[in-house]
Amino acid sequence: MQIFSLVLLLLGGVICLYIGAELLIIYAARLAISVGMTPLVVGLTVVAFSTSTPELASTLIAQINGDHSNMALGTIVGSNIANIGLILGLITMVKPLEVKRQIKTFEAPFTIGITLLLWVFLLRGQITRWMGIVLIIGVVFYVYRHIKKAQKLKHSSDVMVEKIAKSKRIWYFLLIAIGVVSLTIGGALLIKGAVGLATRFGIPDRVIGLTVVALGTSLPEFAASLVAIMRKLGDVAIGNILGSNVFNILFILGVVAIVKPLSFSSQFLNKDVPLLLAFSALLWGLVSYQKKLGRLSGLLLFSCYVGYIYYVS
């Protein structure tokens, strides 16, 4: 296949992923708000899950079609690094984000904890089905905790409520389904284009996953977070990014490992996951001692990401 055709597949995949994620973000979030969730909880759960669906589509297709485990794992690790360094860095450079206590005391440390768990799993040489089950149990705990927290805060002044008629809810579910189909098609196109280009230029699957595919599947997080800050919903923006990182490791990697265990390059153990840990620790350090993530913090995160891309390329 010609390079131009492969690039078109890549771009078509990104566009389908973006459209599908947008449908999920808009209508899944509206349904969540209609039952009385706070903006932060919406960002950490519904929007985070919705913006993680491109990674799910891409990694599953990469793993099933040709056993591209390095690309699948690279997409997850690279996407999480991009979420912290690139997306959160750019977003806070546009507009500083207020840091809620929950981010400092639970969300940021929890992200580091599950990244450490991933590194421990990598020590075994393969991410097996039982490890996938452990990760799925982790995401069930995460979601359950936030549902219980949302119930406690139901009558809080921070809660947004949007009444939705039953007829509209059916329409929303239909649009969400269209979003899922679009994501599936987008994931297939993106992986086909990425694998084709990798083969053409002799680029390892790992590097393609960490960079091209990771950036492509992170576009929904960027779009959702940018829209959130423009609508003065900073909680949704930062919640989306941290929550997405949690879903990427626990849910997506869990599902992929259950479907088909992952073998991987030793560089993930020695280089890539430790770098993700470093980015997560840097973020925790920044949010722990500040009431707001300011533009200087954003510039630091963004600069670290630029350095990371140079390092892995």
Protein backbone atom coordinates (compact mmCIF):
# COMPACT_ATOMS: atom_id res chain seq x y z
CA MET A 1 0.00 0.00 0.00
CA GLN A 2 1.27 3.49 -0.91
CA ILE A 3 2.45 5.86 1.85
CA PHE A 4 -0.23 8.41 0.90
CA SER A 5 -2.96 5.76 1.33
CA LEU A 6 -1.54 4.75 4.72
CA VAL A 7 -1.51 8.37 5.88
CA LEU A 8 -5.14 8.72 4.74
CA LEU A 9 -6.04 5.62 6.77
CA LEU A 10 -4.27 7.13 9.77
CA LEU A 11 -6.06 10.46 9.42
CA GLY A 12 -9.41 8.76 8.76
CA GLY A 13 -8.95 6.70 11.91
CA VAL A 14 -8.20 9.79 14.01
CA ILE A 15 -11.27 11.60 12.62
CA CYS A 16 -13.57 8.62 13.31
CA LEU A 17 -12.14 8.30 16.82
CA TYR A 18 -12.68 12.00 17.44
CA ILE A 19 -16.29 11.98 16.17
CA GLY A 20 -17.13 8.85 18.13
CA ALA A 21 -15.57 10.17 21.32
CA GLU A 22 -17.36 13.51 20.96
CA LEU A 23 -20.73 11.75 20.72
CA LEU A 24 -19.91 9.71 23.80
CA ILE A 25 -18.61 12.67 25.78
CA ILE A 26 -21.54 14.97 25.07
CA TYR A 27 -24.41 12.55 25.55
CA ALA A 28 -22.96 10.25 28.20
CA ALA A 29 -22.08 13.31 30.28
CA ARG A 30 -25.60 14.72 29.88
CA LEU A 31 -27.12 11.47 31.08
CA ALA A 32 -24.78 11.45 34.09
CA ILE A 33 -25.55 15.05 34.98
CA SER A 34 -29.28 14.31 34.77
CA VAL A 35 -28.93 11.97 37.76
CA GLY A 36 -27.08 14.58 39.83
CA MET A 37 -23.30 14.07 39.58
CA THR A 38 -20.74 16.76 40.45
CA PRO A 39 -18.53 18.08 37.62
CA LEU A 40 -15.44 16.42 39.14
CA VAL A 41 -17.14 13.01 39.41
CA VAL A 42 -18.48 13.37 35.85
CA GLY A 43 -14.95 14.09 34.65
CA LEU A 44 -13.38 11.25 36.64
CA THR A 45 -15.86 8.62 35.52
CA VAL A 46 -18.24 9.24 32.60
CA VAL A 47 -16.12 11.64 30.53
CA ALA A 48 -12.90 9.79 31.42
CA PHE A 49 -14.35 6.46 30.31
CA SER A 50 -15.75 8.01 27.13
CA THR A 51 -12.44 9.59 26.13
CA SER A 52 -10.63 6.30 26.86
CA THR A 53 -12.74 4.35 24.37
CA PRO A 54 -10.41 5.18 21.41
CA GLU A 55 -7.56 3.51 23.31
CA LEU A 56 -9.82 0.50 23.94
CA ALA A 57 -10.73 0.19 20.24
CA SER A 58 -7.13 0.67 19.09
CA THR A 59 -5.47 -1.68 21.59
CA LEU A 60 -8.01 -4.46 21.12
CA ILE A 61 -7.68 -4.35 17.35
CA ALA A 62 -3.88 -4.18 17.58
CA GLN A 63 -3.80 -7.22 19.87
CA ILE A 64 -6.35 -9.35 18.00
CA ASN A 65 -5.20 -8.57 14.45
CA GLY A 66 -1.61 -9.77 14.25
CA ASP A 67 -0.66 -9.82 17.94
CA HIS A 68 0.84 -6.32 18.03
CA SER A 69 1.23 -6.42 21.83
CA ASN A 70 3.98 -3.80 21.83
CA MET A 71 1.73 -1.38 19.96
CA ALA A 72 -1.21 -2.13 22.28
CA LEU A 73 0.81 -1.57 25.46
CA GLY A 74 2.64 1.35 23.87
CA THR A 75 -0.67 3.04 23.10
CA ILE A 76 -1.78 2.83 26.74
CA VAL A 77 1.54 3.96 28.25
CA GLY A 78 2.09 6.64 25.61
CA SER A 79 -1.47 7.94 25.93
CA ASN A 80 -1.14 8.27 29.72
CA ILE A 81 2.13 10.18 29.36
CA ALA A 82 0.54 12.40 26.68
CA ASN A 83 -2.46 13.06 28.94
CA ILE A 84 -0.21 14.37 31.73
CA GLY A 85 2.62 16.02 29.82
CA LEU A 86 1.04 17.25 26.60
CA ILE A 87 -2.68 17.69 27.30
CA LEU A 88 -2.64 18.82 30.93
CA GLY A 89 0.43 20.91 30.15
CA LEU A 90 -1.27 22.71 27.25
CA ILE A 91 -4.60 23.08 29.07
CA THR A 92 -3.03 24.72 32.13
CA MET A 93 -0.96 26.99 29.90
CA VAL A 94 -4.25 28.21 28.42
CA LYS A 95 -6.00 28.54 31.78
CA PRO A 96 -4.83 27.58 35.31
CA LEU A 97 -6.88 24.80 36.95
CA GLU A 98 -8.06 24.76 40.54
CA VAL A 99 -6.90 21.65 42.41
CA LYS A 100 -9.55 20.09 44.65
CA ARG A 101 -8.56 18.22 47.81
CA GLN A 102 -9.79 14.93 46.32
CA ILE A 103 -7.21 15.24 43.53
CA LYS A 104 -4.39 15.63 46.06
CA THR A 105 -5.46 12.96 48.52
CA PHE A 106 -6.83 10.20 46.29
CA GLU A 107 -6.81 10.66 42.50
CA ALA A 108 -3.12 11.49 41.95
CA PRO A 109 -1.81 8.90 44.46
CA PHE A 110 -4.18 6.27 43.06
CA THR A 111 -2.83 6.89 39.56
CA ILE A 112 0.71 6.31 40.82
CA GLY A 113 -0.42 3.17 42.66
CA ILE A 114 -1.94 1.50 39.61
CA THR A 115 1.09 2.46 37.49
CA LEU A 116 3.29 0.74 40.06
CA LEU A 117 1.00 -2.28 39.88
CA LEU A 118 1.45 -2.33 36.09
CA TRP A 119 5.24 -2.26 36.53
CA VAL A 120 5.05 -5.17 39.00
CA PHE A 121 2.99 -7.14 36.47
CA LEU A 122 5.63 -6.45 33.80
CA LEU A 123 8.23 -8.09 36.06
CA ARG A 124 6.47 -11.40 35.39
CA GLY A 125 7.30 -11.16 31.68
CA GLN A 126 3.72 -11.25 30.41
CA ILE A 127 0.40 -9.60 31.26
CA THR A 128 -1.80 -12.67 31.71
CA ARG A 129 -5.55 -13.19 31.95
CA TRP A 130 -5.52 -13.35 35.75
CA MET A 131 -3.69 -10.02 35.82
CA GLY A 132 -6.40 -8.66 33.53
CA ILE A 133 -9.04 -9.85 36.01
CA VAL A 134 -7.19 -8.09 38.86
CA LEU A 135 -7.17 -4.87 36.82
CA ILE A 136 -10.91 -5.15 36.11
CA ILE A 137 -11.58 -5.64 39.84
CA GLY A 138 -9.59 -2.45 40.39
CA VAL A 139 -11.75 -0.43 38.00
CA VAL A 140 -14.93 -1.82 39.62
CA PHE A 141 -13.64 -0.56 42.99
CA TYR A 142 -12.76 2.82 41.44
CA VAL A 143 -16.18 3.32 39.85
CA TYR A 144 -18.04 2.04 42.94
CA ARG A 145 -16.15 4.50 45.14
CA HIS A 146 -17.12 7.41 42.92
CA ILE A 147 -20.74 6.33 42.66
CA LYS A 148 -20.97 6.20 46.46
CA LYS A 149 -19.29 9.60 46.68
CA ALA A 150 -21.72 11.02 44.11
CA GLN A 151 -24.66 9.75 46.18
CA LYS A 152 -23.32 11.47 49.29
CA LEU A 153 -22.88 14.74 47.37
CA LYS A 154 -26.23 14.53 45.59
CA HIS A 155 -27.65 17.51 47.46
CA SER A 156 -24.44 19.55 47.30
CA SER A 157 -24.43 22.97 45.66
CA ASP A 158 -21.68 21.70 43.33
CA VAL A 159 -24.06 19.29 41.67
CA MET A 160 -25.39 20.15 38.21
CA VAL A 161 -28.81 18.81 37.29
CA GLU A 162 -30.25 18.76 33.80
CA LYS A 163 -33.71 17.25 33.44
CA ILE A 164 -34.00 15.01 30.39
CA ALA A 165 -37.27 13.66 28.96
CA LYS A 166 -37.55 9.90 28.37
CA SER A 167 -37.80 10.39 24.60
CA LYS A 168 -34.55 12.37 24.64
CA ARG A 169 -32.81 9.66 26.66
CA ILE A 170 -33.57 7.10 23.95
CA TRP A 171 -32.10 9.49 21.38
CA TYR A 172 -29.00 9.97 23.55
CA PHE A 173 -28.47 6.21 23.85
CA LEU A 174 -28.72 5.92 20.05
CA LEU A 175 -26.08 8.63 19.57
CA ILE A 176 -23.85 6.90 22.13
CA ALA A 177 -24.19 3.66 20.13
CA ILE A 178 -23.21 5.53 16.94
CA GLY A 179 -20.21 6.86 18.84
CA VAL A 180 -19.14 3.32 19.77
CA VAL A 181 -19.39 2.18 16.12
CA SER A 182 -17.39 5.21 14.98
CA LEU A 183 -14.72 4.45 17.57
CA THR A 184 -14.46 0.83 16.43
CA ILE A 185 -14.05 1.84 12.78
CA GLY A 186 -11.58 4.56 13.75
CA GLY A 187 -9.52 2.13 15.81
CA ALA A 188 -9.31 -0.31 12.87
CA LEU A 189 -8.25 2.42 10.42
CA LEU A 190 -5.71 3.92 12.81
CA ILE A 191 -4.03 0.60 13.55
CA LYS A 192 -3.96 -0.45 9.87
CA GLY A 193 -2.35 2.86 8.90
CA ALA A 194 0.09 2.82 11.82
CA VAL A 195 1.18 -0.78 11.23
CA GLY A 196 1.59 -0.08 7.50
CA LEU A 197 3.78 2.96 8.14
CA ALA A 198 5.80 1.11 10.78
CA THR A 199 6.49 -1.70 8.30
CA ARG A 200 7.36 0.77 5.52
CA PHE A 201 9.92 2.69 7.56
CA GLY A 202 11.11 -0.12 9.81
CA ILE A 203 9.82 1.63 12.95
CA PRO A 204 9.18 -0.70 15.92
CA ASP A 205 5.55 -1.25 16.99
CA ARG A 206 6.48 0.02 20.45
CA VAL A 207 7.56 3.46 19.17
CA ILE A 208 4.50 3.78 16.89
CA GLY A 209 2.23 2.95 19.82
CA LEU A 210 4.01 5.33 22.21
CA THR A 211 3.88 8.26 19.80
CA VAL A 212 1.60 8.24 16.72
CA VAL A 213 -1.23 6.03 17.99
CA ALA A 214 -1.00 7.41 21.54
CA LEU A 215 -1.28 10.99 20.28
CA GLY A 216 -4.15 10.09 17.96
CA THR A 217 -6.16 8.37 20.68
CA SER A 218 -5.46 11.21 23.13
CA LEU A 219 -7.19 13.79 20.93
CA PRO A 220 -10.60 13.20 22.59
CA GLU A 221 -9.10 13.95 26.03
CA PHE A 222 -7.65 17.18 24.68
CA ALA A 223 -10.92 18.19 22.98
CA ALA A 224 -13.03 17.36 26.03
CA SER A 225 -10.69 19.16 28.45
CA LEU A 226 -10.43 22.23 26.21
CA VAL A 227 -14.21 22.46 25.90
CA ALA A 228 -14.52 21.99 29.66
CA ILE A 229 -12.23 24.91 30.55
CA MET A 230 -13.92 27.13 27.95
CA ARG A 231 -17.21 26.40 29.71
CA LYS A 232 -15.59 27.11 33.10
CA LEU A 233 -15.68 23.46 34.14
CA GLY A 234 -12.08 23.02 35.24
CA ASP A 235 -13.06 20.09 37.48
CA VAL A 236 -14.25 18.16 34.44
CA ALA A 237 -10.97 18.90 32.62
CA ILE A 238 -8.57 17.67 35.31
CA GLY A 239 -10.93 14.85 36.28
CA ASN A 240 -11.08 13.70 32.67
CA ILE A 241 -7.30 13.48 32.37
CA LEU A 242 -6.66 11.64 35.65
CA GLY A 243 -9.71 9.42 35.27
CA SER A 244 -8.73 8.55 31.71
CA ASN A 245 -5.31 7.39 32.90
CA VAL A 246 -6.99 5.15 35.46
CA PHE A 247 -9.37 3.64 32.89
CA ASN A 248 -6.54 3.15 30.38
CA ILE A 249 -4.60 0.92 32.78
CA LEU A 250 -7.34 -0.79 34.76
CA PHE A 251 -10.17 -1.21 32.26
CA ILE A 252 -8.56 -1.17 28.81
CA LEU A 253 -5.44 -3.14 29.67
CA GLY A 254 -7.60 -5.46 31.78
CA VAL A 255 -9.99 -6.19 28.91
CA VAL A 256 -7.17 -6.63 26.37
CA ALA A 257 -5.26 -9.03 28.67
CA ILE A 258 -8.39 -11.12 29.28
CA VAL A 259 -9.09 -11.34 25.54
CA LYS A 260 -5.47 -12.19 24.75
CA PRO A 261 -2.43 -12.07 27.12
CA LEU A 262 0.25 -9.53 26.19
CA SER A 263 3.93 -10.21 25.60
CA PHE A 264 6.08 -7.09 25.34
CA SER A 265 9.51 -5.57 24.81
CA SER A 266 11.78 -5.32 27.88
CA GLN A 267 11.98 -1.57 27.21
CA PHE A 268 8.51 -1.17 28.71
CA LEU A 269 9.83 -2.55 32.00
CA ASN A 270 13.14 -0.69 31.99
CA LYS A 271 12.23 2.58 30.31
CA ASP A 272 8.61 3.37 29.35
CA VAL A 273 6.60 2.51 32.48
CA PRO A 274 9.26 4.08 34.78
CA LEU A 275 8.90 7.25 32.66
CA LEU A 276 5.12 7.11 33.14
CA LEU A 277 5.73 6.75 36.88
CA ALA A 278 8.00 9.82 36.76
CA PHE A 279 5.31 11.88 34.98
CA SER A 280 2.66 10.72 37.48
CA ALA A 281 4.93 11.55 40.44
CA LEU A 282 5.70 14.98 38.97
CA LEU A 283 1.99 15.71 38.65
CA TRP A 284 1.33 14.57 42.23
CA GLY A 285 4.14 16.82 43.43
CA LEU A 286 2.69 19.80 41.55
CA VAL A 287 -0.89 19.34 42.79
CA SER A 288 0.14 18.57 46.39
CA TYR A 289 1.65 21.97 47.08
CA GLN A 290 -0.53 24.27 45.00
CA LYS A 291 -4.14 25.40 45.07
CA LYS A 292 -3.98 25.85 41.30
CA LEU A 293 -2.03 24.28 38.49
CA GLY A 294 -0.65 27.43 36.91
CA ARG A 295 0.94 28.27 33.58
CA LEU A 296 4.48 27.60 34.85
CA SER A 297 3.42 24.10 35.91
CA GLY A 298 1.85 23.61 32.50
CA LEU A 299 5.05 24.75 30.78
CA LEU A 300 7.08 22.31 32.90
CA LEU A 301 4.79 19.40 32.02
CA PHE A 302 4.79 20.30 28.33
CA SER A 303 8.59 20.68 28.26
CA CYS A 304 8.99 17.26 29.88
CA TYR A 305 6.74 15.77 27.20
CA VAL A 306 8.76 17.34 24.39
CA GLY A 307 11.89 15.85 25.97
CA TYR A 308 10.17 12.47 26.24
CA ILE A 309 9.22 12.43 22.53
CA TYR A 310 12.81 13.28 21.61
CA TYR A 311 14.03 10.49 23.91
CA VAL A 312 11.83 7.69 22.50
CA SER A 313 12.04 8.72 18.82
